[in-house]
Amino acid sequence: MSPEEVESLYARLAAANPEPRSELEYRDPFTLLVAVVLSAQATDAGVNKATGPLFAVAATPQAMLDLGEECLAERIRTIGLYRTKARNVIALSRLLIEHHDGQVPSEREALEALPGVGRKTANVVLNIAFGQPTIAVDTHVFRLANRTGLAPGKTVEDVERKLLAVTPSHWMQHAHHWLILHGRHVCKARKPDCLSCCLDDLCAFASGPS
């Protein structure tokens, strides 16, 4: 895409959704971190069903430790990989208390050192909780970036690097939300809703998918 087309793409997404928000429910940086860790290979709706009751009793690292791994696993058993995720949440809660005074760090290196936290999770937390200009590339963003021609790449890292390079600074704060939500609800994997897409005339896929 040309710079003018990229500008138009973000302007249209912004017009359609001026105040984009994560579909995960959270209260603060810690509950956001836990929700994002739990969301790996799971739907946001499914995570929200489990975290609503969970955060009512364990919304801090210490409360999560007090709950314990077995009880946590039972509370999130409807989420895929729940045992591994319970182990990670307990471990990261312990590390937050031991090394960060119970607070979620705002530095990428410190976040990625926590169990269950990879680059995508760190990007989400840095952007939403701390307002940093990051773009989290999940399957929806990866698909959208390649389909439209916005930032084609063969790997998540390629797509993230290109998105950071082509996205104008004034759109950066909400870029990953716009892209994730558009990919999730319009540019869907099996049946993209091209007829109602506000990006139709900008999109390489709409012109004729390979």
N, C-alpha and C. Protein backbone atom coordinates (compact mmCIF):
# COMPACT_ATOMS: atom_id res chain seq x y z
N MET A 1 0.83 -1.20 0.00
CA MET A 1 0.00 0.00 0.00
C MET A 1 0.86 1.25 0.00
N SER A 2 0.37 2.28 -0.65
CA SER A 2 1.06 3.57 -0.62
C SER A 2 0.80 4.24 0.72
N PRO A 3 1.62 5.21 1.10
CA PRO A 3 1.36 5.94 2.34
C PRO A 3 -0.03 6.56 2.38
N GLU A 4 -0.51 7.03 1.25
CA GLU A 4 -1.85 7.62 1.20
C GLU A 4 -2.92 6.57 1.48
N GLU A 5 -2.73 5.36 0.94
CA GLU A 5 -3.69 4.29 1.18
C GLU A 5 -3.66 3.83 2.64
N VAL A 6 -2.47 3.78 3.23
CA VAL A 6 -2.35 3.41 4.64
C VAL A 6 -3.08 4.43 5.52
N GLU A 7 -2.88 5.71 5.21
CA GLU A 7 -3.56 6.77 5.95
C GLU A 7 -5.07 6.62 5.84
N SER A 8 -5.54 6.32 4.64
CA SER A 8 -6.97 6.16 4.42
C SER A 8 -7.50 4.94 5.17
N LEU A 9 -6.73 3.86 5.18
CA LEU A 9 -7.14 2.65 5.89
C LEU A 9 -7.39 2.93 7.36
N TYR A 10 -6.43 3.57 8.01
CA TYR A 10 -6.59 3.85 9.44
C TYR A 10 -7.68 4.88 9.69
N ALA A 11 -7.81 5.85 8.81
CA ALA A 11 -8.84 6.87 8.98
C ALA A 11 -10.23 6.23 8.92
N ARG A 12 -10.39 5.28 8.03
CA ARG A 12 -11.69 4.60 7.92
C ARG A 12 -11.98 3.72 9.14
N LEU A 13 -10.96 3.00 9.60
CA LEU A 13 -11.14 2.17 10.79
C LEU A 13 -11.46 3.04 12.00
N ALA A 14 -10.81 4.20 12.08
CA ALA A 14 -11.06 5.12 13.20
C ALA A 14 -12.46 5.69 13.12
N ALA A 15 -12.92 6.00 11.93
CA ALA A 15 -14.27 6.55 11.77
C ALA A 15 -15.32 5.52 12.17
N ALA A 16 -15.04 4.26 11.86
CA ALA A 16 -15.99 3.19 12.18
C ALA A 16 -15.98 2.85 13.66
N ASN A 17 -14.84 3.08 14.32
CA ASN A 17 -14.70 2.71 15.73
C ASN A 17 -13.76 3.70 16.41
N PRO A 18 -14.27 4.88 16.77
CA PRO A 18 -13.41 5.96 17.27
C PRO A 18 -12.69 5.63 18.58
N GLU A 19 -13.29 4.83 19.42
CA GLU A 19 -12.69 4.49 20.72
C GLU A 19 -12.60 2.98 20.87
N PRO A 20 -11.69 2.35 20.15
CA PRO A 20 -11.59 0.89 20.20
C PRO A 20 -11.09 0.41 21.56
N ARG A 21 -11.63 -0.71 22.01
CA ARG A 21 -11.22 -1.28 23.30
C ARG A 21 -11.03 -2.78 23.16
N SER A 22 -10.19 -3.30 24.00
CA SER A 22 -10.03 -4.75 24.06
C SER A 22 -11.36 -5.39 24.42
N GLU A 23 -11.63 -6.55 23.87
CA GLU A 23 -12.83 -7.28 24.23
C GLU A 23 -12.62 -8.15 25.47
N LEU A 24 -11.39 -8.18 25.98
CA LEU A 24 -11.13 -8.84 27.25
C LEU A 24 -11.56 -7.92 28.39
N GLU A 25 -12.14 -8.48 29.42
CA GLU A 25 -12.56 -7.69 30.57
C GLU A 25 -11.45 -7.71 31.63
N TYR A 26 -11.12 -6.54 32.15
CA TYR A 26 -10.04 -6.42 33.12
C TYR A 26 -10.28 -5.19 33.98
N ARG A 27 -9.54 -5.10 35.09
CA ARG A 27 -9.71 -3.98 36.01
C ARG A 27 -8.49 -3.08 36.08
N ASP A 28 -7.33 -3.63 35.86
CA ASP A 28 -6.07 -2.93 36.07
C ASP A 28 -4.97 -3.71 35.34
N PRO A 29 -3.72 -3.26 35.40
CA PRO A 29 -2.65 -3.97 34.67
C PRO A 29 -2.51 -5.44 35.03
N PHE A 30 -2.69 -5.79 36.30
CA PHE A 30 -2.54 -7.19 36.67
C PHE A 30 -3.64 -8.06 36.08
N THR A 31 -4.88 -7.65 36.22
CA THR A 31 -5.97 -8.46 35.67
C THR A 31 -5.92 -8.48 34.14
N LEU A 32 -5.44 -7.40 33.53
CA LEU A 32 -5.23 -7.42 32.08
C LEU A 32 -4.18 -8.45 31.71
N LEU A 33 -3.06 -8.45 32.42
CA LEU A 33 -2.00 -9.42 32.15
C LEU A 33 -2.51 -10.85 32.27
N VAL A 34 -3.23 -11.13 33.33
CA VAL A 34 -3.78 -12.48 33.52
C VAL A 34 -4.74 -12.83 32.40
N ALA A 35 -5.62 -11.92 32.05
CA ALA A 35 -6.60 -12.18 30.99
C ALA A 35 -5.92 -12.46 29.66
N VAL A 36 -4.87 -11.71 29.34
CA VAL A 36 -4.18 -11.92 28.07
C VAL A 36 -3.44 -13.26 28.07
N VAL A 37 -2.82 -13.61 29.19
CA VAL A 37 -2.16 -14.91 29.29
C VAL A 37 -3.18 -16.04 29.09
N LEU A 38 -4.33 -15.90 29.68
CA LEU A 38 -5.37 -16.92 29.55
C LEU A 38 -5.97 -16.98 28.15
N SER A 39 -5.85 -15.89 27.39
CA SER A 39 -6.52 -15.82 26.09
C SER A 39 -5.78 -16.55 24.97
N ALA A 40 -4.57 -17.01 25.23
CA ALA A 40 -3.83 -17.72 24.19
C ALA A 40 -4.61 -18.96 23.75
N GLN A 41 -4.85 -19.08 22.45
CA GLN A 41 -5.59 -20.19 21.87
C GLN A 41 -6.99 -20.35 22.50
N ALA A 42 -7.58 -19.22 22.86
CA ALA A 42 -8.93 -19.21 23.42
C ALA A 42 -9.64 -17.95 22.95
N THR A 43 -10.95 -17.93 23.02
CA THR A 43 -11.70 -16.74 22.63
C THR A 43 -11.80 -15.77 23.80
N ASP A 44 -11.89 -14.49 23.48
CA ASP A 44 -12.05 -13.49 24.54
C ASP A 44 -13.33 -13.73 25.33
N ALA A 45 -14.39 -14.11 24.63
CA ALA A 45 -15.67 -14.37 25.32
C ALA A 45 -15.53 -15.51 26.31
N GLY A 46 -14.83 -16.56 25.91
CA GLY A 46 -14.62 -17.69 26.80
C GLY A 46 -13.78 -17.32 28.00
N VAL A 47 -12.76 -16.50 27.78
CA VAL A 47 -11.92 -16.04 28.88
C VAL A 47 -12.73 -15.18 29.85
N ASN A 48 -13.54 -14.28 29.31
CA ASN A 48 -14.34 -13.39 30.16
C ASN A 48 -15.30 -14.15 31.07
N LYS A 49 -15.84 -15.25 30.57
CA LYS A 49 -16.76 -16.05 31.40
C LYS A 49 -16.05 -16.61 32.63
N ALA A 50 -14.76 -16.93 32.46
CA ALA A 50 -14.01 -17.48 33.58
C ALA A 50 -13.44 -16.40 34.48
N THR A 51 -12.97 -15.29 33.89
CA THR A 51 -12.28 -14.28 34.69
C THR A 51 -13.23 -13.40 35.50
N GLY A 52 -14.48 -13.29 35.09
CA GLY A 52 -15.43 -12.52 35.89
C GLY A 52 -15.48 -13.04 37.32
N PRO A 53 -15.85 -14.32 37.50
CA PRO A 53 -15.86 -14.89 38.85
C PRO A 53 -14.46 -14.97 39.48
N LEU A 54 -13.45 -15.22 38.66
CA LEU A 54 -12.08 -15.33 39.18
C LEU A 54 -11.61 -14.01 39.79
N PHE A 55 -11.78 -12.91 39.07
CA PHE A 55 -11.30 -11.62 39.57
C PHE A 55 -12.11 -11.12 40.76
N ALA A 56 -13.28 -11.68 40.94
CA ALA A 56 -14.07 -11.30 42.12
C ALA A 56 -13.41 -11.79 43.40
N VAL A 57 -12.58 -12.84 43.29
CA VAL A 57 -11.93 -13.39 44.49
C VAL A 57 -10.41 -13.28 44.44
N ALA A 58 -9.84 -13.04 43.26
CA ALA A 58 -8.39 -12.97 43.14
C ALA A 58 -7.99 -11.97 42.06
N ALA A 59 -7.88 -10.71 42.47
CA ALA A 59 -7.57 -9.64 41.51
C ALA A 59 -6.20 -9.01 41.76
N THR A 60 -5.40 -9.63 42.62
CA THR A 60 -4.05 -9.15 42.90
C THR A 60 -3.10 -10.35 42.88
N PRO A 61 -1.81 -10.11 42.71
CA PRO A 61 -0.87 -11.24 42.74
C PRO A 61 -0.94 -12.04 44.03
N GLN A 62 -1.05 -11.37 45.17
CA GLN A 62 -1.10 -12.10 46.44
C GLN A 62 -2.38 -12.92 46.55
N ALA A 63 -3.49 -12.34 46.14
CA ALA A 63 -4.75 -13.08 46.19
C ALA A 63 -4.71 -14.29 45.26
N MET A 64 -4.02 -14.16 44.13
CA MET A 64 -3.89 -15.29 43.21
C MET A 64 -3.05 -16.39 43.84
N LEU A 65 -1.96 -16.00 44.52
CA LEU A 65 -1.15 -17.00 45.22
C LEU A 65 -1.95 -17.67 46.33
N ASP A 66 -2.71 -16.89 47.05
CA ASP A 66 -3.53 -17.45 48.13
C ASP A 66 -4.57 -18.43 47.59
N LEU A 67 -5.06 -18.16 46.40
CA LEU A 67 -6.04 -19.06 45.79
C LEU A 67 -5.41 -20.42 45.51
N GLY A 68 -4.17 -20.40 44.97
CA GLY A 68 -3.45 -21.65 44.73
C GLY A 68 -3.70 -22.20 43.34
N GLU A 69 -2.73 -22.98 42.87
CA GLU A 69 -2.78 -23.48 41.50
C GLU A 69 -3.97 -24.40 41.24
N GLU A 70 -4.26 -25.30 42.16
CA GLU A 70 -5.35 -26.25 41.92
C GLU A 70 -6.71 -25.55 41.87
N CYS A 71 -6.92 -24.62 42.77
CA CYS A 71 -8.19 -23.90 42.78
C CYS A 71 -8.31 -23.00 41.55
N LEU A 72 -7.19 -22.39 41.17
CA LEU A 72 -7.20 -21.57 39.96
C LEU A 72 -7.51 -22.42 38.73
N ALA A 73 -6.87 -23.57 38.64
CA ALA A 73 -7.11 -24.46 37.50
C ALA A 73 -8.59 -24.84 37.41
N GLU A 74 -9.19 -25.10 38.56
CA GLU A 74 -10.61 -25.46 38.57
C GLU A 74 -11.47 -24.31 38.07
N ARG A 75 -11.10 -23.09 38.41
CA ARG A 75 -11.89 -21.93 38.02
C ARG A 75 -11.74 -21.58 36.53
N ILE A 76 -10.66 -22.03 35.91
CA ILE A 76 -10.45 -21.69 34.49
C ILE A 76 -10.47 -22.94 33.61
N ARG A 77 -11.05 -24.01 34.10
CA ARG A 77 -10.99 -25.28 33.38
C ARG A 77 -11.74 -25.25 32.05
N THR A 78 -12.61 -24.28 31.83
CA THR A 78 -13.31 -24.16 30.55
C THR A 78 -12.43 -23.55 29.47
N ILE A 79 -11.25 -23.07 29.85
CA ILE A 79 -10.31 -22.45 28.90
C ILE A 79 -9.28 -23.48 28.47
N GLY A 80 -8.95 -23.50 27.19
CA GLY A 80 -7.96 -24.44 26.70
C GLY A 80 -6.62 -24.29 27.40
N LEU A 81 -5.93 -25.43 27.59
CA LEU A 81 -4.62 -25.47 28.23
C LEU A 81 -4.67 -24.91 29.65
N TYR A 82 -5.77 -25.15 30.34
CA TYR A 82 -6.00 -24.47 31.61
C TYR A 82 -4.99 -24.85 32.69
N ARG A 83 -4.47 -26.06 32.66
CA ARG A 83 -3.51 -26.44 33.69
C ARG A 83 -2.18 -25.71 33.52
N THR A 84 -1.70 -25.65 32.30
CA THR A 84 -0.47 -24.91 32.02
C THR A 84 -0.65 -23.43 32.33
N LYS A 85 -1.79 -22.89 31.96
CA LYS A 85 -2.06 -21.47 32.21
C LYS A 85 -2.16 -21.18 33.71
N ALA A 86 -2.77 -22.09 34.45
CA ALA A 86 -2.86 -21.90 35.90
C ALA A 86 -1.46 -21.89 36.51
N ARG A 87 -0.62 -22.79 36.05
CA ARG A 87 0.75 -22.85 36.55
C ARG A 87 1.49 -21.55 36.24
N ASN A 88 1.31 -21.04 35.04
CA ASN A 88 1.99 -19.80 34.65
C ASN A 88 1.48 -18.59 35.44
N VAL A 89 0.17 -18.51 35.64
CA VAL A 89 -0.40 -17.37 36.37
C VAL A 89 0.09 -17.37 37.82
N ILE A 90 0.16 -18.52 38.43
CA ILE A 90 0.67 -18.59 39.81
C ILE A 90 2.14 -18.20 39.84
N ALA A 91 2.91 -18.70 38.88
CA ALA A 91 4.34 -18.39 38.85
C ALA A 91 4.60 -16.91 38.58
N LEU A 92 3.84 -16.32 37.65
CA LEU A 92 4.06 -14.90 37.36
C LEU A 92 3.61 -14.03 38.53
N SER A 93 2.57 -14.46 39.23
CA SER A 93 2.12 -13.71 40.41
C SER A 93 3.22 -13.71 41.48
N ARG A 94 3.86 -14.85 41.66
CA ARG A 94 4.94 -14.93 42.64
C ARG A 94 6.11 -14.03 42.24
N LEU A 95 6.46 -14.03 40.97
CA LEU A 95 7.58 -13.20 40.51
C LEU A 95 7.25 -11.71 40.61
N LEU A 96 6.00 -11.34 40.36
CA LEU A 96 5.61 -9.93 40.51
C LEU A 96 5.79 -9.47 41.95
N ILE A 97 5.45 -10.33 42.89
CA ILE A 97 5.62 -9.98 44.31
C ILE A 97 7.09 -9.93 44.69
N GLU A 98 7.86 -10.91 44.24
CA GLU A 98 9.26 -11.03 44.64
C GLU A 98 10.16 -9.98 43.99
N HIS A 99 9.85 -9.61 42.74
CA HIS A 99 10.78 -8.76 42.00
C HIS A 99 10.22 -7.40 41.59
N HIS A 100 8.91 -7.22 41.70
CA HIS A 100 8.31 -5.96 41.21
C HIS A 100 7.34 -5.35 42.20
N ASP A 101 7.48 -5.69 43.47
CA ASP A 101 6.60 -5.13 44.51
C ASP A 101 5.12 -5.34 44.22
N GLY A 102 4.82 -6.43 43.54
CA GLY A 102 3.43 -6.75 43.25
C GLY A 102 2.82 -5.98 42.10
N GLN A 103 3.66 -5.20 41.38
CA GLN A 103 3.17 -4.39 40.27
C GLN A 103 3.59 -4.98 38.93
N VAL A 104 2.77 -4.77 37.93
CA VAL A 104 3.12 -5.21 36.57
C VAL A 104 4.14 -4.24 36.00
N PRO A 105 5.30 -4.72 35.56
CA PRO A 105 6.32 -3.82 35.03
C PRO A 105 5.92 -3.23 33.68
N SER A 106 6.43 -2.06 33.39
CA SER A 106 6.12 -1.39 32.12
C SER A 106 7.26 -1.51 31.12
N GLU A 107 8.21 -2.42 31.37
CA GLU A 107 9.33 -2.63 30.46
C GLU A 107 9.16 -3.99 29.77
N ARG A 108 9.40 -4.02 28.48
CA ARG A 108 9.22 -5.24 27.70
C ARG A 108 10.05 -6.40 28.25
N GLU A 109 11.31 -6.16 28.52
CA GLU A 109 12.19 -7.24 28.96
C GLU A 109 11.68 -7.88 30.25
N ALA A 110 11.22 -7.05 31.18
CA ALA A 110 10.71 -7.57 32.44
C ALA A 110 9.40 -8.34 32.23
N LEU A 111 8.55 -7.85 31.36
CA LEU A 111 7.30 -8.56 31.07
C LEU A 111 7.56 -9.92 30.44
N GLU A 112 8.46 -9.94 29.44
CA GLU A 112 8.71 -11.19 28.72
C GLU A 112 9.46 -12.20 29.57
N ALA A 113 10.00 -11.77 30.71
CA ALA A 113 10.65 -12.70 31.64
C ALA A 113 9.64 -13.44 32.51
N LEU A 114 8.38 -13.02 32.47
CA LEU A 114 7.35 -13.66 33.28
C LEU A 114 6.83 -14.92 32.59
N PRO A 115 6.53 -15.98 33.34
CA PRO A 115 6.02 -17.22 32.75
C PRO A 115 4.73 -16.98 31.97
N GLY A 116 4.67 -17.54 30.76
CA GLY A 116 3.48 -17.44 29.94
C GLY A 116 3.35 -16.14 29.18
N VAL A 117 4.35 -15.26 29.28
CA VAL A 117 4.28 -13.96 28.60
C VAL A 117 5.28 -13.93 27.45
N GLY A 118 4.76 -13.93 26.24
CA GLY A 118 5.58 -13.78 25.05
C GLY A 118 5.48 -12.37 24.50
N ARG A 119 5.99 -12.18 23.31
CA ARG A 119 6.03 -10.84 22.73
C ARG A 119 4.63 -10.28 22.50
N LYS A 120 3.71 -11.11 22.01
CA LYS A 120 2.35 -10.61 21.74
C LYS A 120 1.67 -10.15 23.02
N THR A 121 1.75 -10.98 24.06
CA THR A 121 1.15 -10.61 25.34
C THR A 121 1.77 -9.33 25.88
N ALA A 122 3.09 -9.24 25.80
CA ALA A 122 3.78 -8.03 26.27
C ALA A 122 3.31 -6.80 25.49
N ASN A 123 3.16 -6.94 24.19
CA ASN A 123 2.71 -5.82 23.37
C ASN A 123 1.33 -5.34 23.79
N VAL A 124 0.42 -6.28 24.06
CA VAL A 124 -0.93 -5.91 24.48
C VAL A 124 -0.89 -5.14 25.79
N VAL A 125 -0.15 -5.66 26.76
CA VAL A 125 -0.08 -5.02 28.08
C VAL A 125 0.59 -3.65 27.98
N LEU A 126 1.68 -3.56 27.24
CA LEU A 126 2.38 -2.28 27.09
C LEU A 126 1.49 -1.24 26.44
N ASN A 127 0.70 -1.65 25.47
CA ASN A 127 -0.17 -0.71 24.76
C ASN A 127 -1.36 -0.30 25.61
N ILE A 128 -2.08 -1.27 26.15
CA ILE A 128 -3.33 -0.96 26.85
C ILE A 128 -3.07 -0.40 28.24
N ALA A 129 -2.19 -1.04 28.98
CA ALA A 129 -1.98 -0.62 30.37
C ALA A 129 -1.08 0.60 30.50
N PHE A 130 -0.12 0.74 29.58
CA PHE A 130 0.89 1.79 29.74
C PHE A 130 0.95 2.78 28.57
N GLY A 131 0.05 2.63 27.60
CA GLY A 131 -0.04 3.59 26.52
C GLY A 131 1.14 3.64 25.59
N GLN A 132 1.89 2.55 25.51
CA GLN A 132 3.06 2.53 24.63
C GLN A 132 2.65 2.18 23.20
N PRO A 133 3.32 2.73 22.21
CA PRO A 133 2.94 2.53 20.80
C PRO A 133 3.39 1.18 20.25
N THR A 134 2.78 0.12 20.72
CA THR A 134 3.11 -1.22 20.24
C THR A 134 1.95 -1.78 19.42
N ILE A 135 2.24 -2.77 18.60
CA ILE A 135 1.20 -3.45 17.83
C ILE A 135 1.32 -4.94 18.06
N ALA A 136 0.33 -5.52 18.70
CA ALA A 136 0.32 -6.95 18.96
C ALA A 136 -0.19 -7.68 17.73
N VAL A 137 0.59 -8.62 17.23
CA VAL A 137 0.20 -9.35 16.03
C VAL A 137 -0.31 -10.74 16.42
N ASP A 138 -1.62 -10.89 16.40
CA ASP A 138 -2.21 -12.21 16.61
C ASP A 138 -2.63 -12.76 15.25
N THR A 139 -3.37 -13.86 15.23
CA THR A 139 -3.75 -14.47 13.95
C THR A 139 -4.62 -13.53 13.11
N HIS A 140 -5.45 -12.72 13.78
CA HIS A 140 -6.32 -11.80 13.04
C HIS A 140 -5.52 -10.69 12.38
N VAL A 141 -4.58 -10.11 13.10
CA VAL A 141 -3.75 -9.04 12.54
C VAL A 141 -2.84 -9.59 11.45
N PHE A 142 -2.29 -10.76 11.68
CA PHE A 142 -1.42 -11.39 10.68
C PHE A 142 -2.17 -11.60 9.37
N ARG A 143 -3.39 -12.14 9.47
CA ARG A 143 -4.21 -12.38 8.29
C ARG A 143 -4.56 -11.08 7.59
N LEU A 144 -5.01 -10.09 8.35
CA LEU A 144 -5.42 -8.81 7.78
C LEU A 144 -4.26 -8.09 7.11
N ALA A 145 -3.10 -8.09 7.76
CA ALA A 145 -1.93 -7.40 7.20
C ALA A 145 -1.51 -8.01 5.88
N ASN A 146 -1.61 -9.33 5.77
CA ASN A 146 -1.24 -10.00 4.52
C ASN A 146 -2.32 -9.89 3.46
N ARG A 147 -3.57 -10.07 3.84
CA ARG A 147 -4.66 -10.01 2.86
C ARG A 147 -4.76 -8.64 2.21
N THR A 148 -4.71 -7.61 3.02
CA THR A 148 -4.91 -6.27 2.48
C THR A 148 -3.71 -5.76 1.73
N GLY A 149 -2.51 -6.27 2.09
CA GLY A 149 -1.28 -5.72 1.54
C GLY A 149 -0.72 -4.61 2.40
N LEU A 150 -1.31 -4.39 3.59
CA LEU A 150 -0.85 -3.35 4.49
C LEU A 150 0.58 -3.62 4.96
N ALA A 151 0.84 -4.86 5.38
CA ALA A 151 2.18 -5.21 5.88
C ALA A 151 2.40 -6.70 5.69
N PRO A 152 2.57 -7.14 4.45
CA PRO A 152 2.72 -8.57 4.20
C PRO A 152 4.02 -9.12 4.77
N GLY A 153 3.93 -10.32 5.31
CA GLY A 153 5.12 -10.95 5.85
C GLY A 153 4.86 -12.42 6.10
N LYS A 154 5.93 -13.21 6.14
CA LYS A 154 5.79 -14.65 6.32
C LYS A 154 5.76 -15.06 7.78
N THR A 155 6.23 -14.19 8.66
CA THR A 155 6.23 -14.49 10.09
C THR A 155 5.58 -13.36 10.86
N VAL A 156 5.21 -13.66 12.10
CA VAL A 156 4.64 -12.64 12.98
C VAL A 156 5.61 -11.48 13.16
N GLU A 157 6.88 -11.82 13.30
CA GLU A 157 7.90 -10.78 13.50
C GLU A 157 8.00 -9.88 12.27
N ASP A 158 7.93 -10.48 11.08
CA ASP A 158 7.97 -9.68 9.84
C ASP A 158 6.81 -8.70 9.80
N VAL A 159 5.62 -9.20 10.09
CA VAL A 159 4.42 -8.37 10.02
C VAL A 159 4.48 -7.26 11.06
N GLU A 160 4.91 -7.59 12.28
CA GLU A 160 4.99 -6.56 13.31
C GLU A 160 5.99 -5.47 12.91
N ARG A 161 7.14 -5.88 12.42
CA ARG A 161 8.15 -4.90 12.02
C ARG A 161 7.62 -3.98 10.92
N LYS A 162 6.93 -4.55 9.94
CA LYS A 162 6.41 -3.75 8.84
C LYS A 162 5.26 -2.84 9.29
N LEU A 163 4.41 -3.36 10.17
CA LEU A 163 3.32 -2.52 10.68
C LEU A 163 3.86 -1.31 11.43
N LEU A 164 4.88 -1.52 12.24
CA LEU A 164 5.48 -0.41 12.97
C LEU A 164 6.10 0.60 12.01
N ALA A 165 6.61 0.10 10.88
CA ALA A 165 7.25 0.99 9.91
C ALA A 165 6.25 1.80 9.10
N VAL A 166 5.09 1.20 8.76
CA VAL A 166 4.16 1.88 7.85
C VAL A 166 3.05 2.64 8.57
N THR A 167 2.81 2.32 9.85
CA THR A 167 1.70 2.96 10.56
C THR A 167 2.09 4.37 10.99
N PRO A 168 1.35 5.38 10.56
CA PRO A 168 1.65 6.76 10.99
C PRO A 168 1.56 6.90 12.50
N SER A 169 2.40 7.73 13.06
CA SER A 169 2.48 7.86 14.51
C SER A 169 1.14 8.27 15.14
N HIS A 170 0.36 9.08 14.43
CA HIS A 170 -0.89 9.55 15.01
C HIS A 170 -1.97 8.46 15.06
N TRP A 171 -1.74 7.32 14.42
CA TRP A 171 -2.68 6.20 14.50
C TRP A 171 -2.14 5.07 15.38
N MET A 172 -0.90 5.18 15.82
CA MET A 172 -0.22 4.06 16.45
C MET A 172 -0.89 3.58 17.74
N GLN A 173 -1.40 4.49 18.54
CA GLN A 173 -1.91 4.10 19.84
C GLN A 173 -3.04 3.07 19.76
N HIS A 174 -3.94 3.25 18.79
CA HIS A 174 -5.08 2.34 18.68
C HIS A 174 -4.97 1.36 17.51
N ALA A 175 -3.83 1.37 16.81
CA ALA A 175 -3.71 0.58 15.58
C ALA A 175 -3.99 -0.90 15.81
N HIS A 176 -3.40 -1.47 16.85
CA HIS A 176 -3.56 -2.92 17.01
C HIS A 176 -5.00 -3.28 17.36
N HIS A 177 -5.71 -2.40 18.09
CA HIS A 177 -7.12 -2.67 18.37
C HIS A 177 -7.95 -2.63 17.09
N TRP A 178 -7.73 -1.61 16.28
CA TRP A 178 -8.49 -1.52 15.03
C TRP A 178 -8.25 -2.75 14.16
N LEU A 179 -7.00 -3.16 14.04
CA LEU A 179 -6.66 -4.29 13.18
C LEU A 179 -7.20 -5.60 13.73
N ILE A 180 -7.05 -5.81 15.04
CA ILE A 180 -7.56 -7.05 15.65
C ILE A 180 -9.07 -7.14 15.50
N LEU A 181 -9.76 -6.07 15.82
CA LEU A 181 -11.23 -6.11 15.78
C LEU A 181 -11.74 -6.26 14.35
N HIS A 182 -11.10 -5.59 13.41
CA HIS A 182 -11.53 -5.72 12.01
C HIS A 182 -11.26 -7.13 11.50
N GLY A 183 -10.11 -7.69 11.87
CA GLY A 183 -9.81 -9.05 11.47
C GLY A 183 -10.73 -10.07 12.10
N ARG A 184 -11.12 -9.82 13.32
CA ARG A 184 -11.99 -10.76 14.06
C ARG A 184 -13.42 -10.73 13.56
N HIS A 185 -13.94 -9.54 13.24
CA HIS A 185 -15.37 -9.41 12.96
C HIS A 185 -15.71 -9.19 11.49
N VAL A 186 -14.76 -8.73 10.69
CA VAL A 186 -15.04 -8.47 9.27
C VAL A 186 -14.14 -9.31 8.36
N CYS A 187 -12.83 -9.17 8.51
CA CYS A 187 -11.88 -9.90 7.66
C CYS A 187 -11.62 -11.28 8.26
N LYS A 188 -12.69 -12.06 8.37
CA LYS A 188 -12.63 -13.35 9.04
C LYS A 188 -11.90 -14.38 8.19
N ALA A 189 -11.42 -15.43 8.84
CA ALA A 189 -10.57 -16.40 8.15
C ALA A 189 -11.31 -17.11 7.02
N ARG A 190 -12.46 -17.68 7.32
CA ARG A 190 -13.13 -18.52 6.33
C ARG A 190 -14.07 -17.75 5.41
N LYS A 191 -14.79 -16.80 5.97
CA LYS A 191 -15.76 -16.06 5.17
C LYS A 191 -15.62 -14.57 5.42
N PRO A 192 -14.59 -13.94 4.84
CA PRO A 192 -14.43 -12.49 5.03
C PRO A 192 -15.64 -11.75 4.48
N ASP A 193 -16.10 -10.77 5.25
CA ASP A 193 -17.30 -10.03 4.87
C ASP A 193 -16.92 -8.82 4.00
N CYS A 194 -16.44 -9.13 2.80
CA CYS A 194 -15.92 -8.08 1.92
C CYS A 194 -17.00 -7.08 1.50
N LEU A 195 -18.24 -7.53 1.39
CA LEU A 195 -19.30 -6.65 0.91
C LEU A 195 -19.57 -5.50 1.87
N SER A 196 -19.36 -5.72 3.16
CA SER A 196 -19.62 -4.66 4.13
C SER A 196 -18.33 -4.04 4.66
N CYS A 197 -17.20 -4.36 4.04
CA CYS A 197 -15.91 -3.90 4.54
C CYS A 197 -15.62 -2.47 4.08
N CYS A 198 -15.25 -1.62 5.03
CA CYS A 198 -14.95 -0.22 4.69
C CYS A 198 -13.61 -0.06 3.99
N LEU A 199 -12.84 -1.17 3.89
CA LEU A 199 -11.52 -1.12 3.25
C LEU A 199 -11.53 -1.78 1.88
N ASP A 200 -12.70 -2.12 1.39
CA ASP A 200 -12.82 -2.96 0.19
C ASP A 200 -12.00 -2.44 -0.99
N ASP A 201 -12.06 -1.16 -1.27
CA ASP A 201 -11.39 -0.62 -2.45
C ASP A 201 -9.88 -0.45 -2.24
N LEU A 202 -9.42 -0.60 -0.99
CA LEU A 202 -7.98 -0.51 -0.70
C LEU A 202 -7.31 -1.86 -0.63
N CYS A 203 -8.11 -2.91 -0.58
CA CYS A 203 -7.63 -4.23 -0.19
C CYS A 203 -7.22 -5.09 -1.39
N ALA A 204 -6.03 -5.66 -1.32
CA ALA A 204 -5.53 -6.53 -2.38
C ALA A 204 -6.38 -7.80 -2.49
N PHE A 205 -6.85 -8.31 -1.35
CA PHE A 205 -7.66 -9.51 -1.34
C PHE A 205 -8.98 -9.28 -2.05
N ALA A 206 -9.60 -8.14 -1.83
CA ALA A 206 -10.89 -7.85 -2.47
C ALA A 206 -10.76 -7.74 -3.98
N SER A 207 -9.54 -7.42 -4.44
CA SER A 207 -9.32 -7.28 -5.88
C SER A 207 -9.17 -8.64 -6.56
N GLY A 208 -9.02 -9.67 -5.75
CA GLY A 208 -8.88 -11.01 -6.31
C GLY A 208 -7.87 -11.82 -5.55
N PRO A 209 -8.31 -12.59 -4.55
CA PRO A 209 -7.39 -13.38 -3.75
C PRO A 209 -6.69 -14.45 -4.58
N SER A 210 -5.45 -14.72 -4.21
CA SER A 210 -4.71 -15.74 -4.93
C SER A 210 -5.13 -17.11 -4.48
